[in-house]
Each structure stands twice: as structure tokens, then as C-alpha cells.
Protein backbone atom coordinates (compact mmCIF):
# COMPACT_ATOMS: atom_id res chain seq x y z
CA MET A 1 0.00 0.00 0.00
CA LYS A 2 1.36 3.42 -0.91
CA GLY A 3 2.61 5.58 1.92
CA ILE A 4 0.36 8.49 1.00
CA VAL A 5 -2.56 6.45 2.33
CA PHE A 6 -0.84 6.13 5.71
CA THR A 7 0.29 9.75 5.91
CA GLU A 8 -3.19 10.94 4.97
CA LEU A 9 -4.76 8.73 7.64
CA PHE A 10 -2.49 10.39 10.20
CA ASP A 11 -3.39 13.83 8.80
CA MET A 12 -7.10 13.05 9.13
CA VAL A 13 -6.70 11.90 12.73
CA GLU A 14 -4.58 14.94 13.59
CA GLU A 15 -7.09 17.37 12.03
CA ALA A 16 -9.98 15.83 13.96
CA HIS A 17 -8.33 14.87 17.26
CA GLY A 18 -4.88 16.50 17.47
CA TYR A 19 -1.33 15.25 17.24
CA ALA A 20 -1.55 13.45 20.59
CA ALA A 21 -4.20 11.15 19.09
CA VAL A 22 -1.84 10.26 16.21
CA ASP A 23 0.98 9.61 18.64
CA ASN A 24 -1.29 7.50 20.83
CA LEU A 25 -2.50 5.55 17.79
CA ILE A 26 1.03 4.75 16.64
CA ARG A 27 2.19 3.80 20.14
CA ASN A 28 -0.70 1.35 20.51
CA CYS A 29 -0.09 -0.50 17.24
CA LYS A 30 2.41 -3.18 16.31
CA LEU A 31 3.48 -1.93 12.88
CA SER A 32 6.13 -3.19 10.47
CA THR A 33 7.68 0.30 10.35
CA ASP A 34 7.18 1.32 13.98
CA GLY A 35 4.85 4.01 12.61
CA VAL A 36 7.28 5.67 10.20
CA TYR A 37 5.83 6.19 6.71
CA THR A 38 6.74 8.40 3.77
CA SER A 39 4.15 9.35 1.18
CA VAL A 40 6.12 7.70 -1.65
CA GLY A 41 7.04 4.49 0.18
CA THR A 42 5.27 1.16 -0.11
CA TYR A 43 4.14 -0.65 3.02
CA PRO A 44 2.17 -3.75 3.96
CA SER A 45 -1.57 -3.23 3.85
CA SER A 46 -1.69 -5.20 7.10
CA ASP A 47 -0.32 -2.08 8.81
CA MET A 48 -3.35 -0.10 7.60
CA PHE A 49 -5.71 -2.71 8.99
CA VAL A 50 -3.93 -2.60 12.35
CA LEU A 51 -4.13 1.21 12.41
CA VAL A 52 -7.80 1.34 11.44
CA GLY A 53 -8.73 -1.41 13.88
CA THR A 54 -6.95 0.33 16.75
CA LEU A 55 -8.39 3.71 15.79
CA SER A 56 -11.85 2.16 15.72
CA GLU A 57 -11.38 0.95 19.29
CA GLN A 58 -9.91 4.24 20.50
CA LEU A 59 -12.69 6.35 19.01
CA SER A 60 -15.50 3.83 19.54
CA THR A 61 -16.30 4.22 15.86
CA PRO A 62 -17.10 1.24 13.60
CA ILE A 63 -14.41 0.43 11.03
CA PRO A 64 -16.78 0.96 8.04
CA ASP A 65 -17.55 4.48 9.32
CA LEU A 66 -13.85 5.28 9.72
CA LEU A 67 -13.04 4.02 6.23
CA PHE A 68 -15.94 6.00 4.76
CA ALA A 69 -14.72 9.19 6.49
CA PHE A 70 -11.18 8.47 5.35
CA GLY A 71 -12.42 8.14 1.77
CA GLY A 72 -13.85 11.65 2.06
CA HIS A 73 -10.58 12.96 3.47
CA LEU A 74 -8.61 11.30 0.66
CA PHE A 75 -10.92 12.70 -2.00
CA HIS A 76 -10.38 16.22 -0.67
CA THR A 77 -6.61 15.65 -0.66
CA PHE A 78 -6.68 14.33 -4.22
CA THR A 79 -8.65 17.35 -5.46
CA GLN A 80 -6.04 19.64 -3.92
CA LYS A 81 -2.92 17.76 -5.07
CA TYR A 82 -4.12 16.52 -8.45
CA GLN A 83 -6.48 19.23 -9.70
CA SER A 84 -5.78 18.43 -13.33
CA PHE A 85 -7.56 15.08 -13.00
CA PHE A 86 -10.77 16.81 -11.92
CA GLN A 87 -10.90 20.12 -13.77
CA ASP A 88 -11.66 18.75 -17.23
CA HIS A 89 -14.95 17.21 -16.10
CA THR A 90 -18.32 18.73 -15.25
CA HIS A 91 -20.09 15.47 -14.37
CA ALA A 92 -18.95 12.91 -11.79
CA PHE A 93 -19.57 9.99 -14.14
CA ASP A 94 -17.22 11.53 -16.73
CA PHE A 95 -14.53 11.66 -14.05
CA LEU A 96 -15.24 8.22 -12.56
CA VAL A 97 -14.84 6.40 -15.87
CA THR A 98 -11.28 7.76 -16.06
CA LEU A 99 -10.18 6.10 -12.81
CA HIS A 100 -9.06 2.75 -14.07
CA ASP A 101 -7.87 3.49 -17.60
CA HIS A 102 -6.38 6.95 -17.06
CA ILE A 103 -5.69 7.88 -13.45
CA HIS A 104 -4.55 4.44 -12.30
CA VAL A 105 -2.32 4.21 -15.40
CA GLU A 106 -0.67 7.49 -14.38
CA VAL A 107 -0.28 6.27 -10.79
CA LYS A 108 1.37 3.07 -12.06
CA LYS A 109 3.85 5.14 -14.09
CA LEU A 110 4.90 6.96 -10.94
CA TYR A 111 4.63 3.98 -8.60
CA PRO A 112 4.98 0.70 -10.53
CA ASP A 113 4.58 -1.31 -7.32
CA ALA A 114 1.24 0.31 -6.41
CA GLU A 115 -1.53 -2.22 -5.81
CA LEU A 116 -4.68 -0.47 -6.93
CA PRO A 117 -8.27 -1.66 -6.85
CA ASN A 118 -9.93 -2.49 -10.13
CA PHE A 119 -13.07 -0.68 -11.32
CA GLU A 120 -15.44 -1.73 -14.05
CA TYR A 121 -18.27 0.51 -15.25
CA GLN A 122 -21.64 0.20 -16.85
CA ARG A 123 -22.99 3.64 -17.57
CA ALA A 124 -26.57 3.80 -18.74
CA ASN A 125 -26.78 7.60 -19.05
CA ASN A 126 -26.01 10.73 -17.02
CA GLN A 127 -28.46 9.64 -14.30
CA TYR A 128 -27.38 6.04 -13.63
CA MET A 129 -24.15 4.10 -13.53
CA GLU A 130 -22.94 0.88 -11.94
CA MET A 131 -19.36 0.52 -10.73
CA THR A 132 -17.85 -2.79 -9.70
CA TYR A 133 -15.00 -2.49 -7.21
CA THR A 134 -12.58 -5.42 -6.94
CA SER A 135 -9.78 -5.57 -4.39
CA GLU A 136 -8.29 -8.23 -2.17
CA ARG A 137 -7.96 -5.54 0.51
CA LYS A 138 -11.74 -5.38 0.84
CA MET A 139 -11.86 -1.64 1.52
CA SER A 140 -15.09 -0.84 -0.29
CA ASP A 141 -16.16 1.47 2.54
CA LEU A 142 -13.16 3.67 1.65
CA ALA A 143 -14.22 3.55 -2.02
CA ASN A 144 -17.76 4.43 -0.94
CA GLY A 145 -16.47 7.53 0.88
CA LEU A 146 -14.49 8.52 -2.20
CA LEU A 147 -17.59 8.07 -4.38
CA HIS A 148 -19.85 10.11 -2.10
CA HIS A 149 -17.40 12.99 -1.99
CA CYS A 150 -16.78 12.81 -5.74
CA LEU A 151 -20.49 13.15 -6.46
CA GLY A 152 -20.71 16.03 -3.99
CA TYR A 153 -17.68 17.70 -5.58
CA TYR A 154 -19.56 17.83 -8.88
CA ASP A 155 -22.68 19.19 -7.08
CA HIS A 156 -24.87 16.17 -7.76
CA ARG A 157 -27.79 15.09 -5.59
CA PHE A 158 -27.41 11.34 -5.57
CA LYS A 159 -28.13 7.95 -4.11
CA ILE A 160 -25.62 5.10 -3.87
CA GLU A 161 -26.58 1.50 -3.24
CA LYS A 162 -23.71 -0.78 -2.19
CA GLU A 163 -24.01 -4.53 -2.67
CA ASN A 164 -21.42 -7.23 -1.98
CA VAL A 165 -21.08 -9.40 -5.07
CA VAL A 166 -18.67 -11.68 -3.21
CA LYS A 167 -19.59 -12.26 0.42
CA ASP A 168 -16.10 -11.37 1.74
CA GLY A 169 -16.30 -7.86 0.23
CA SER A 170 -13.56 -8.35 -2.36
CA VAL A 171 -16.05 -7.55 -5.15
CA VAL A 172 -18.66 -4.87 -4.52
CA LEU A 173 -21.24 -3.33 -6.84
CA PHE A 174 -22.07 0.36 -6.44
CA LYS A 175 -25.35 1.44 -8.07
CA ILE A 176 -25.18 5.22 -8.48
CA SER A 177 -28.25 7.31 -9.26
CA ILE A 178 -28.23 11.03 -9.90
CA LEU A 179 -31.48 12.46 -8.51
């Protein structure tokens, strides 16, 4: 997992709860790096699961809710750091269909070892689209947070239905309706 995901998780915790909460989180986790991450490094995804699990306990917040909130935080970060990916689109669906074949290709150029989720799309029109998320990490709640904030970024009123295609959450179908 790319280090930016770890550093952004720490940024989110610090923004909401202060640096002491980040320090406390790191001290209470057994991590492969002892809590040291750089945004361009690559680290075991198991560290992220340890961090999120511990944070869930510390904040008494369910893991799906934390991942959803983190997806929103990441989306905001991406819009600030990578504006060019977003500025050429006026509709969320136009942006979303670029994820796998454009944005992830660019990410792979920069970080060949990046392990990215796969997205497949079926777009009926500008009011309805289905996205299938596939990842062995099973972090669809993070993807859901990203999707919600993406649709909000483009000022859409929307509804998202999330359905596990595979029981373990490695394949998830998002049914997105623009209202």
C-alpha cells in the first residue's frame, strides 16, 4: 500500500483529534515500520488494517464508518494535489470512468509497485451508472467515501446503493443514481 494512504490517515486523525491522538495511535499498534511512513514508500496493507482497527477501538467508531470518512478525506486531498484530473470534467460519471484506464495508469507510471483496486463501469446515461470495485484488501467502505465525496464535488444530488457481489467484500457493486 502506498505511503500516502498512511500519511493521509495520520493527517485526518490529527485534524480531527490532534497530534496526541496520532501519537497515541502509533504507540498502541504493532506496525512493520514502527509508525514511520513516507508518502512515496510502499508498506504492507496489514499495517493499515492494524491502524484502522486500533483507531476504531480508540474512538469507539465502527471500522466501516472510519473508512468511509477516510475516503472523504482522501478525495479532498486528491482534489487539492491533483487538480488536473478533476478540472476537465463537469459530471462525476465523466470523471469516474477515467479512474481505471487513465488515473490508475498514471499512478502506475509513478509507482509501478502500487496495488490499486480495479473498477469496471456500466454507464446507462447521465443519471445512472454501476461501478464494480474489486480488491483483495476489501476496503469498499473507503471507495464508498471517495464516491460520495466525488459526487458532492460535482454538485450532484445522488443515491448510492452498495451490494457485496462476493460475500467477503472483495467484489462490490455500487449502483449510483443522480437524482
